[in-house]
Amino acid sequence: MHRTKNDLPESTRVAMIKLLNDRLADAIDLFNQVKHAHWNVKGPNFIAIHELFDQVAEHVEEASDDLAERAVQLGGVADGLTASIAKRTSIKSIGLDLPDGRSYVDAVSTSLAEYGAKVRQAIDTADKAGDKGTADLFTELSRSADKDLWFVEAHLYSER
């Protein structure tokens, strides 16, 4: 840890840095999964889904930047290295080659939902630790993930 004049207790900052890096791993993995879907989606709604996945990826990339910066603000190191992400992520992989657009939409919505659930758990963890700033960040990320999930799931409604 590096020195900071942040007044949160060091033990709280250490715990929050770990939590932030865990969710950072999820966000980077989710970004990569959504970009994979963006590149590989096919089907009659290709352009709409292709563009939506690109927008979702941008939102998740912004989230990863916010998570990383918060970890450093608290005196830690943001760990976004590929090897670390592979070990830390809690998001299930969408798979390499899905057969059609609906399969990609379903897979991405599942990953977004998993990420959203982990972020909501992090809100409570940060709040209980007394770090309102980190809890607020996770609240913001939760709203964004939920909105993206809503947009992605909308492509499943006509087929239910």
Protein backbone atom coordinates (compact mmCIF):
# COMPACT_ATOMS: atom_id res chain seq x y z
CA MET A 1 0.00 0.00 0.00
CA HIS A 2 1.12 3.52 -0.62
CA ARG A 3 0.67 6.30 1.90
CA THR A 4 -2.39 8.47 1.68
CA LYS A 5 -4.07 11.02 3.86
CA ASN A 6 -7.39 9.27 3.30
CA ASP A 7 -8.93 9.00 6.77
CA LEU A 8 -10.45 5.54 6.38
CA PRO A 9 -8.76 3.04 8.69
CA GLU A 10 -6.02 1.05 6.96
CA SER A 11 -7.81 -2.24 7.66
CA THR A 12 -10.91 -0.89 5.89
CA ARG A 13 -8.85 0.33 2.96
CA VAL A 14 -7.10 -3.05 2.63
CA ALA A 15 -10.44 -4.87 2.60
CA MET A 16 -11.94 -2.42 0.09
CA ILE A 17 -8.92 -2.67 -2.21
CA LYS A 18 -9.36 -6.44 -2.33
CA LEU A 19 -13.08 -6.06 -2.98
CA LEU A 20 -12.46 -3.47 -5.69
CA ASN A 21 -9.86 -5.66 -7.39
CA ASP A 22 -12.21 -8.65 -7.28
CA ARG A 23 -14.94 -6.64 -8.99
CA LEU A 24 -12.34 -5.15 -11.35
CA ALA A 25 -11.49 -8.68 -12.47
CA ASP A 26 -15.18 -9.32 -13.09
CA ALA A 27 -15.57 -6.07 -15.03
CA ILE A 28 -12.55 -6.71 -17.25
CA ASP A 29 -13.71 -10.27 -17.90
CA LEU A 30 -17.24 -9.05 -18.64
CA PHE A 31 -15.85 -6.42 -21.02
CA ASN A 32 -13.92 -9.11 -22.89
CA GLN A 33 -16.96 -11.39 -23.04
CA VAL A 34 -19.19 -8.63 -24.39
CA LYS A 35 -16.58 -7.62 -26.99
CA HIS A 36 -16.29 -11.28 -28.01
CA ALA A 37 -20.07 -11.38 -28.49
CA HIS A 38 -19.94 -8.05 -30.35
CA TRP A 39 -17.39 -9.42 -32.81
CA ASN A 40 -19.05 -12.78 -33.35
CA VAL A 41 -22.81 -12.24 -33.21
CA LYS A 42 -24.76 -13.17 -36.34
CA GLY A 43 -28.39 -13.32 -37.35
CA PRO A 44 -31.34 -11.27 -38.51
CA ASN A 45 -30.92 -8.62 -35.77
CA PHE A 46 -27.16 -8.45 -36.24
CA ILE A 47 -26.64 -4.71 -36.45
CA ALA A 48 -28.88 -3.85 -33.49
CA ILE A 49 -27.25 -6.46 -31.24
CA HIS A 50 -23.74 -5.73 -32.55
CA GLU A 51 -24.13 -2.03 -31.71
CA LEU A 52 -25.79 -2.72 -28.36
CA PHE A 53 -22.96 -5.01 -27.30
CA ASP A 54 -20.48 -2.29 -28.22
CA GLN A 55 -22.35 0.21 -26.01
CA VAL A 56 -22.49 -2.27 -23.13
CA ALA A 57 -18.76 -2.93 -23.48
CA GLU A 58 -18.07 0.82 -23.27
CA HIS A 59 -20.11 1.06 -20.05
CA VAL A 60 -18.28 -1.88 -18.51
CA GLU A 61 -14.92 -0.45 -19.56
CA GLU A 62 -15.82 2.81 -17.79
CA ALA A 63 -16.80 0.79 -14.72
CA SER A 64 -13.46 -1.00 -14.72
CA ASP A 65 -11.65 2.34 -14.85
CA ASP A 66 -13.70 3.63 -11.90
CA LEU A 67 -13.01 0.47 -9.88
CA ALA A 68 -9.28 0.63 -10.59
CA GLU A 69 -9.02 4.30 -9.74
CA ARG A 70 -10.88 3.83 -6.45
CA ALA A 71 -8.46 1.05 -5.43
CA VAL A 72 -5.53 3.41 -6.05
CA GLN A 73 -7.27 6.29 -4.24
CA LEU A 74 -7.42 4.08 -1.16
CA GLY A 75 -3.68 3.42 -1.30
CA GLY A 76 -3.70 0.19 -3.24
CA VAL A 77 -2.67 -1.15 -6.60
CA ALA A 78 -5.23 -1.76 -9.32
CA ASP A 79 -4.60 -5.28 -10.61
CA GLY A 80 -5.83 -5.54 -14.17
CA LEU A 81 -3.21 -7.97 -15.43
CA THR A 82 -4.55 -10.73 -17.66
CA ALA A 83 -3.18 -13.54 -15.49
CA SER A 84 -4.77 -11.98 -12.41
CA ILE A 85 -8.12 -11.51 -14.15
CA ALA A 86 -8.17 -15.17 -15.19
CA LYS A 87 -7.62 -16.24 -11.58
CA ARG A 88 -9.94 -13.73 -9.91
CA THR A 89 -13.01 -13.47 -12.11
CA SER A 90 -16.23 -14.88 -10.74
CA ILE A 91 -18.15 -14.46 -14.02
CA LYS A 92 -18.88 -17.65 -15.95
CA SER A 93 -17.57 -17.60 -19.52
CA ILE A 94 -20.10 -17.15 -22.32
CA GLY A 95 -18.39 -19.72 -24.54
CA LEU A 96 -16.29 -19.42 -27.64
CA ASP A 97 -18.65 -20.08 -30.54
CA LEU A 98 -22.37 -19.70 -29.98
CA PRO A 99 -24.74 -20.67 -32.80
CA ASP A 100 -26.83 -17.52 -33.22
CA GLY A 101 -27.65 -14.01 -32.04
CA ARG A 102 -30.20 -15.14 -29.47
CA SER A 103 -27.59 -17.39 -27.87
CA TYR A 104 -25.19 -14.47 -27.56
CA VAL A 105 -27.92 -12.25 -26.12
CA ASP A 106 -28.83 -14.92 -23.59
CA ALA A 107 -25.18 -15.52 -22.65
CA VAL A 108 -24.37 -11.82 -22.30
CA SER A 109 -27.51 -11.23 -20.23
CA THR A 110 -26.47 -14.05 -17.90
CA SER A 111 -22.98 -12.58 -17.46
CA LEU A 112 -24.41 -9.08 -16.89
CA ALA A 113 -26.80 -10.47 -14.27
CA GLU A 114 -23.94 -12.26 -12.47
CA TYR A 115 -21.87 -9.08 -12.50
CA GLY A 116 -24.81 -7.03 -11.23
CA ALA A 117 -25.38 -9.45 -8.36
CA LYS A 118 -21.71 -9.30 -7.34
CA VAL A 119 -21.76 -5.50 -7.48
CA ARG A 120 -24.88 -5.38 -5.29
CA GLN A 121 -23.18 -7.65 -2.74
CA ALA A 122 -20.22 -5.26 -2.81
CA ILE A 123 -22.51 -2.32 -1.95
CA ASP A 124 -23.45 -4.04 1.31
CA THR A 125 -19.87 -5.11 2.06
CA ALA A 126 -18.51 -1.59 1.56
CA ASP A 127 -21.35 -0.05 3.56
CA LYS A 128 -20.80 -2.44 6.48
CA ALA A 129 -17.08 -1.62 6.37
CA GLY A 130 -17.92 2.07 6.72
CA ASP A 131 -16.67 3.09 3.28
CA LYS A 132 -19.57 5.16 1.94
CA GLY A 133 -17.54 6.32 -1.07
CA THR A 134 -16.89 2.79 -2.30
CA ALA A 135 -20.49 1.80 -1.52
CA ASP A 136 -21.66 4.75 -3.60
CA LEU A 137 -19.42 3.71 -6.49
CA PHE A 138 -20.86 0.20 -6.40
CA THR A 139 -24.39 1.65 -6.29
CA GLU A 140 -23.67 3.64 -9.44
CA LEU A 141 -22.22 0.55 -11.15
CA SER A 142 -25.26 -1.48 -10.11
CA ARG A 143 -27.65 0.96 -11.76
CA SER A 144 -25.58 0.94 -14.95
CA ALA A 145 -25.39 -2.87 -15.05
CA ASP A 146 -29.13 -3.15 -14.46
CA LYS A 147 -29.87 -0.73 -17.29
CA ASP A 148 -27.58 -2.61 -19.66
CA LEU A 149 -29.20 -5.89 -18.63
CA TRP A 150 -32.62 -4.42 -19.38
CA PHE A 151 -31.50 -3.33 -22.86
CA VAL A 152 -29.93 -6.73 -23.63
CA GLU A 153 -32.85 -8.74 -22.25
CA ALA A 154 -35.27 -6.71 -24.38
CA HIS A 155 -33.93 -8.70 -27.34
CA LEU A 156 -35.20 -11.91 -25.73
CA TYR A 157 -38.82 -10.84 -25.13
CA SER A 158 -40.25 -11.58 -28.56
CA GLU A 159 -38.89 -15.11 -28.36
CA ARG A 160 -40.28 -16.04 -24.94
